[in-house]
Amino acid sequence: MMISAITTSARAAARTCLRPQYSAVSARGMNLRVSTAVRFASTMRYTTDHEYVLFDDATNIGTVGITDYAQKALGDVVFVELPQVDSEVTQADPIGAVESVKAASDIYAPVSGVVTEINEQLNDQANLLNKDSEGRGWLCKIKLSNPSEFEALLTDKAYKAHCEGDSH
């Protein structure tokens, strides 16, 4: 038996990049479950309108939300309008809205596809966008119909450069 100490952040990073798969193994009459890690790519890209997509190429699903930059610019979020599950969306079309004490802003589809899930928690806790916009405050999940649209979005480096030059 091997014991290893892993920091909380390293454990979280490993969960993001590794998906466990289990297989049953019989050894001397004992049933054991052996975990083997399988790597899958999960990458984040951004739009110039400050939406992000966290794309999982194993499932072809992108988790969509607004960036931390956007939530700071909006201020305290009080209401979120989300798209309907199973609705077909086209890149750059409005799919919802975010209202704050300072402003209202449309949410645009960063990619085309079908909405598979929405973050129901935002109905009662719109301020999750302020607390954790790029985590628990995600908006919806979209099954991409054209994964090349994701590749055309801004990388982390390009998005940071965009924000530094943004006059909003």
C-alpha atoms as a PDB file:
ATOM      1  CA  MET A   1       0.000   0.000   0.000  1.00  0.00           C
ATOM      2  CA  MET A   2       1.395   3.383  -0.995  1.00  0.00           C
ATOM      3  CA  ILE A   3       0.402   6.531   0.873  1.00  0.00           C
ATOM      4  CA  SER A   4       1.070   9.935  -0.592  1.00  0.00           C
ATOM      5  CA  ALA A   5       0.362  13.408   0.696  1.00  0.00           C
ATOM      6  CA  ILE A   6      -1.272  15.713  -1.816  1.00  0.00           C
ATOM      7  CA  THR A   7      -2.105  19.332  -1.124  1.00  0.00           C
ATOM      8  CA  THR A   8      -5.699  20.455  -1.483  1.00  0.00           C
ATOM      9  CA  SER A   9      -4.936  22.531  -4.572  1.00  0.00           C
ATOM     10  CA  ALA A  10      -3.009  19.694  -6.199  1.00  0.00           C
ATOM     11  CA  ARG A  11      -5.894  17.326  -5.430  1.00  0.00           C
ATOM     12  CA  ALA A  12      -8.351  19.782  -7.006  1.00  0.00           C
ATOM     13  CA  ALA A  13      -6.142  20.147 -10.087  1.00  0.00           C
ATOM     14  CA  ALA A  14      -5.898  16.386 -10.381  1.00  0.00           C
ATOM     15  CA  ARG A  15      -9.695  16.094 -10.231  1.00  0.00           C
ATOM     16  CA  THR A  16      -9.963  18.635 -13.041  1.00  0.00           C
ATOM     17  CA  CYS A  17      -7.534  16.796 -15.301  1.00  0.00           C
ATOM     18  CA  LEU A  18      -8.156  13.185 -14.354  1.00  0.00           C
ATOM     19  CA  ARG A  19     -11.306  11.135 -14.518  1.00  0.00           C
ATOM     20  CA  PRO A  20     -11.126   7.910 -12.493  1.00  0.00           C
ATOM     21  CA  GLN A  21     -12.229   4.683 -14.061  1.00  0.00           C
ATOM     22  CA  TYR A  22     -12.657   1.589 -11.965  1.00  0.00           C
ATOM     23  CA  SER A  23     -12.281  -2.071 -12.734  1.00  0.00           C
ATOM     24  CA  ALA A  24     -13.044  -4.963 -10.452  1.00  0.00           C
ATOM     25  CA  VAL A  25     -10.104  -7.222  -9.617  1.00  0.00           C
ATOM     26  CA  SER A  26     -10.311 -10.481  -7.723  1.00  0.00           C
ATOM     27  CA  ALA A  27      -7.301 -11.379  -5.614  1.00  0.00           C
ATOM     28  CA  ARG A  28      -7.356 -14.465  -3.373  1.00  0.00           C
ATOM     29  CA  GLY A  29     -11.108 -14.379  -3.050  1.00  0.00           C
ATOM     30  CA  MET A  30     -11.188 -10.656  -2.227  1.00  0.00           C
ATOM     31  CA  ASN A  31     -12.948  -8.238  -4.533  1.00  0.00           C
ATOM     32  CA  LEU A  32     -10.879  -5.091  -4.937  1.00  0.00           C
ATOM     33  CA  ARG A  33     -11.565  -1.958  -6.948  1.00  0.00           C
ATOM     34  CA  VAL A  34      -8.546  -0.616  -8.737  1.00  0.00           C
ATOM     35  CA  SER A  35      -8.545   2.986  -9.893  1.00  0.00           C
ATOM     36  CA  THR A  36      -6.753   3.958 -13.053  1.00  0.00           C
ATOM     37  CA  ALA A  37      -6.601   7.575 -14.113  1.00  0.00           C
ATOM     38  CA  VAL A  38      -7.494   8.546 -17.651  1.00  0.00           C
ATOM     39  CA  ARG A  39      -6.488  11.983 -18.874  1.00  0.00           C
ATOM     40  CA  PHE A  40      -8.943  14.205 -20.694  1.00  0.00           C
ATOM     41  CA  ALA A  41      -8.523  17.763 -21.838  1.00  0.00           C
ATOM     42  CA  SER A  42     -10.569  20.499 -20.259  1.00  0.00           C
ATOM     43  CA  THR A  43      -9.690  23.918 -21.614  1.00  0.00           C
ATOM     44  CA  MET A  44     -11.064  27.413 -21.030  1.00  0.00           C
ATOM     45  CA  ARG A  45     -11.517  30.032 -23.755  1.00  0.00           C
ATOM     46  CA  TYR A  46     -13.085  33.494 -23.734  1.00  0.00           C
ATOM     47  CA  THR A  47     -15.108  35.929 -25.841  1.00  0.00           C
ATOM     48  CA  THR A  48     -14.510  39.652 -26.203  1.00  0.00           C
ATOM     49  CA  ASP A  49     -17.919  40.083 -24.509  1.00  0.00           C
ATOM     50  CA  HIS A  50     -16.491  38.483 -21.337  1.00  0.00           C
ATOM     51  CA  GLU A  51     -18.120  35.063 -21.478  1.00  0.00           C
ATOM     52  CA  TYR A  52     -16.051  31.949 -20.951  1.00  0.00           C
ATOM     53  CA  VAL A  53     -16.383  28.345 -22.082  1.00  0.00           C
ATOM     54  CA  LEU A  54     -14.780  25.491 -20.182  1.00  0.00           C
ATOM     55  CA  PHE A  55     -14.715  22.767 -22.835  1.00  0.00           C
ATOM     56  CA  ASP A  56     -14.493  19.061 -22.054  1.00  0.00           C
ATOM     57  CA  ASP A  57     -13.454  17.301 -25.249  1.00  0.00           C
ATOM     58  CA  ALA A  58     -14.385  13.897 -23.797  1.00  0.00           C
ATOM     59  CA  THR A  59     -18.078  14.884 -23.649  1.00  0.00           C
ATOM     60  CA  ASN A  60     -18.105  17.703 -26.232  1.00  0.00           C
ATOM     61  CA  ILE A  61     -19.808  19.896 -23.609  1.00  0.00           C
ATOM     62  CA  GLY A  62     -18.852  23.463 -22.802  1.00  0.00           C
ATOM     63  CA  THR A  63     -19.678  25.050 -19.463  1.00  0.00           C
ATOM     64  CA  VAL A  64     -20.555  28.707 -20.082  1.00  0.00           C
ATOM     65  CA  GLY A  65     -20.357  31.633 -17.701  1.00  0.00           C
ATOM     66  CA  ILE A  66     -19.299  35.234 -17.336  1.00  0.00           C
ATOM     67  CA  THR A  67     -15.744  36.055 -16.405  1.00  0.00           C
ATOM     68  CA  ASP A  68     -14.551  37.525 -13.138  1.00  0.00           C
ATOM     69  CA  TYR A  69     -13.775  40.724 -15.071  1.00  0.00           C
ATOM     70  CA  ALA A  70     -17.435  40.941 -16.185  1.00  0.00           C
ATOM     71  CA  GLN A  71     -18.895  40.342 -12.742  1.00  0.00           C
ATOM     72  CA  LYS A  72     -16.661  43.036 -11.248  1.00  0.00           C
ATOM     73  CA  ALA A  73     -17.784  45.496 -13.929  1.00  0.00           C
ATOM     74  CA  LEU A  74     -21.459  44.661 -13.313  1.00  0.00           C
ATOM     75  CA  GLY A  75     -21.367  44.981  -9.537  1.00  0.00           C
ATOM     76  CA  ASP A  76     -23.814  43.140  -7.273  1.00  0.00           C
ATOM     77  CA  VAL A  77     -25.835  40.747  -9.454  1.00  0.00           C
ATOM     78  CA  VAL A  78     -29.516  40.582  -8.483  1.00  0.00           C
ATOM     79  CA  PHE A  79     -31.111  38.563 -11.329  1.00  0.00           C
ATOM     80  CA  VAL A  80     -30.007  36.093 -13.994  1.00  0.00           C
ATOM     81  CA  GLU A  81     -32.065  35.047 -17.012  1.00  0.00           C
ATOM     82  CA  LEU A  82     -30.933  31.676 -18.364  1.00  0.00           C
ATOM     83  CA  PRO A  83     -31.661  29.859 -21.637  1.00  0.00           C
ATOM     84  CA  GLN A  84     -34.085  26.923 -21.784  1.00  0.00           C
ATOM     85  CA  VAL A  85     -32.722  23.375 -21.526  1.00  0.00           C
ATOM     86  CA  ASP A  86     -32.792  21.624 -24.932  1.00  0.00           C
ATOM     87  CA  SER A  87     -32.837  24.956 -26.769  1.00  0.00           C
ATOM     88  CA  GLU A  88     -30.612  25.254 -29.814  1.00  0.00           C
ATOM     89  CA  VAL A  89     -28.266  28.246 -29.661  1.00  0.00           C
ATOM     90  CA  THR A  90     -26.118  29.919 -32.282  1.00  0.00           C
ATOM     91  CA  GLN A  91     -22.775  31.556 -31.558  1.00  0.00           C
ATOM     92  CA  ALA A  92     -23.084  35.309 -30.813  1.00  0.00           C
ATOM     93  CA  ASP A  93     -26.877  35.211 -30.342  1.00  0.00           C
ATOM     94  CA  PRO A  94     -28.339  36.365 -27.000  1.00  0.00           C
ATOM     95  CA  ILE A  95     -29.097  33.446 -24.666  1.00  0.00           C
ATOM     96  CA  GLY A  96     -29.938  35.289 -21.449  1.00  0.00           C
ATOM     97  CA  ALA A  97     -29.219  38.339 -19.333  1.00  0.00           C
ATOM     98  CA  VAL A  98     -27.594  39.424 -16.093  1.00  0.00           C
ATOM     99  CA  GLU A  99     -29.018  42.300 -14.053  1.00  0.00           C
ATOM    100  CA  SER A 100     -27.096  44.051 -11.317  1.00  0.00           C
ATOM    101  CA  VAL A 101     -27.629  47.099  -9.138  1.00  0.00           C
ATOM    102  CA  LYS A 102     -25.578  49.080 -11.695  1.00  0.00           C
ATOM    103  CA  ALA A 103     -26.586  47.683 -15.090  1.00  0.00           C
ATOM    104  CA  ALA A 104     -28.167  44.954 -17.190  1.00  0.00           C
ATOM    105  CA  SER A 105     -26.183  43.003 -19.734  1.00  0.00           C
ATOM    106  CA  ASP A 106     -27.098  40.402 -22.335  1.00  0.00           C
ATOM    107  CA  ILE A 107     -25.340  37.050 -22.325  1.00  0.00           C
ATOM    108  CA  TYR A 108     -24.271  35.866 -25.764  1.00  0.00           C
ATOM    109  CA  ALA A 109     -23.706  32.255 -26.799  1.00  0.00           C
ATOM    110  CA  PRO A 110     -19.944  31.814 -27.116  1.00  0.00           C
ATOM    111  CA  VAL A 111     -20.494  28.632 -29.149  1.00  0.00           C
ATOM    112  CA  SER A 112     -23.286  26.970 -31.118  1.00  0.00           C
ATOM    113  CA  GLY A 113     -25.060  23.857 -29.904  1.00  0.00           C
ATOM    114  CA  VAL A 114     -27.817  22.570 -27.641  1.00  0.00           C
ATOM    115  CA  VAL A 115     -28.243  23.670 -24.024  1.00  0.00           C
ATOM    116  CA  THR A 116     -28.030  20.493 -21.939  1.00  0.00           C
ATOM    117  CA  GLU A 117     -28.191  21.988 -18.454  1.00  0.00           C
ATOM    118  CA  ILE A 118     -28.674  25.300 -16.657  1.00  0.00           C
ATOM    119  CA  ASN A 119     -27.437  26.341 -13.231  1.00  0.00           C
ATOM    120  CA  GLU A 120     -30.726  26.290 -11.282  1.00  0.00           C
ATOM    121  CA  GLN A 121     -28.944  27.660  -8.193  1.00  0.00           C
ATOM    122  CA  LEU A 122     -28.778  31.073  -9.871  1.00  0.00           C
ATOM    123  CA  ASN A 123     -32.586  31.385  -9.656  1.00  0.00           C
ATOM    124  CA  ASP A 124     -32.321  31.781  -5.877  1.00  0.00           C
ATOM    125  CA  GLN A 125     -28.679  32.841  -5.576  1.00  0.00           C
ATOM    126  CA  ALA A 126     -27.878  35.240  -8.418  1.00  0.00           C
ATOM    127  CA  ASN A 127     -24.995  36.569  -6.320  1.00  0.00           C
ATOM    128  CA  LEU A 128     -23.104  33.307  -6.992  1.00  0.00           C
ATOM    129  CA  LEU A 129     -21.912  35.171 -10.082  1.00  0.00           C
ATOM    130  CA  ASN A 130     -20.165  37.646  -7.773  1.00  0.00           C
ATOM    131  CA  LYS A 131     -18.876  35.024  -5.357  1.00  0.00           C
ATOM    132  CA  ASP A 132     -17.583  32.456  -7.870  1.00  0.00           C
ATOM    133  CA  SER A 133     -18.322  33.462 -11.478  1.00  0.00           C
ATOM    134  CA  GLU A 134     -15.845  31.014 -12.993  1.00  0.00           C
ATOM    135  CA  GLY A 135     -16.793  28.158 -10.667  1.00  0.00           C
ATOM    136  CA  ARG A 136     -20.138  27.572  -8.927  1.00  0.00           C
ATOM    137  CA  GLY A 137     -21.615  30.590 -10.770  1.00  0.00           C
ATOM    138  CA  TRP A 138     -21.588  28.959 -14.223  1.00  0.00           C
ATOM    139  CA  LEU A 139     -24.646  29.717 -16.358  1.00  0.00           C
ATOM    140  CA  CYS A 140     -25.336  26.779 -18.655  1.00  0.00           C
ATOM    141  CA  LYS A 141     -23.798  23.798 -20.407  1.00  0.00           C
ATOM    142  CA  ILE A 142     -23.866  23.514 -24.177  1.00  0.00           C
ATOM    143  CA  LYS A 143     -23.232  20.401 -26.293  1.00  0.00           C
ATOM    144  CA  LEU A 144     -21.163  21.939 -29.100  1.00  0.00           C
ATOM    145  CA  SER A 145     -22.365  21.430 -32.656  1.00  0.00           C
ATOM    146  CA  ASN A 146     -19.183  22.957 -34.094  1.00  0.00           C
ATOM    147  CA  PRO A 147     -16.123  22.489 -31.837  1.00  0.00           C
ATOM    148  CA  SER A 148     -13.999  24.628 -34.180  1.00  0.00           C
ATOM    149  CA  GLU A 149     -15.902  27.664 -32.833  1.00  0.00           C
ATOM    150  CA  PHE A 150     -14.373  26.948 -29.429  1.00  0.00           C
ATOM    151  CA  GLU A 151     -10.866  26.855 -30.887  1.00  0.00           C
ATOM    152  CA  ALA A 152     -11.422  30.299 -32.440  1.00  0.00           C
ATOM    153  CA  LEU A 153     -12.177  31.906 -29.040  1.00  0.00           C
ATOM    154  CA  LEU A 154      -9.548  33.844 -27.086  1.00  0.00           C
ATOM    155  CA  THR A 155      -6.909  31.985 -25.118  1.00  0.00           C
ATOM    156  CA  ASP A 156      -6.196  33.024 -21.525  1.00  0.00           C
ATOM    157  CA  LYS A 157      -3.267  35.171 -22.657  1.00  0.00           C
ATOM    158  CA  ALA A 158      -5.261  36.852 -25.453  1.00  0.00           C
ATOM    159  CA  TYR A 159      -8.211  37.488 -23.117  1.00  0.00           C
ATOM    160  CA  LYS A 160      -5.969  39.126 -20.510  1.00  0.00           C
ATOM    161  CA  ALA A 161      -4.513  41.371 -23.217  1.00  0.00           C
ATOM    162  CA  HIS A 162      -8.052  42.228 -24.357  1.00  0.00           C
ATOM    163  CA  CYS A 163      -9.066  43.186 -20.798  1.00  0.00           C
ATOM    164  CA  GLU A 164      -5.975  45.355 -20.351  1.00  0.00           C
ATOM    165  CA  GLY A 165      -6.926  47.279 -23.497  1.00  0.00           C
ATOM    166  CA  ASP A 166     -10.671  47.299 -22.713  1.00  0.00           C
ATOM    167  CA  SER A 167     -12.019  50.812 -22.135  1.00  0.00           C
ATOM    168  CA  HIS A 168     -15.375  49.684 -20.639  1.00  0.00           C
END
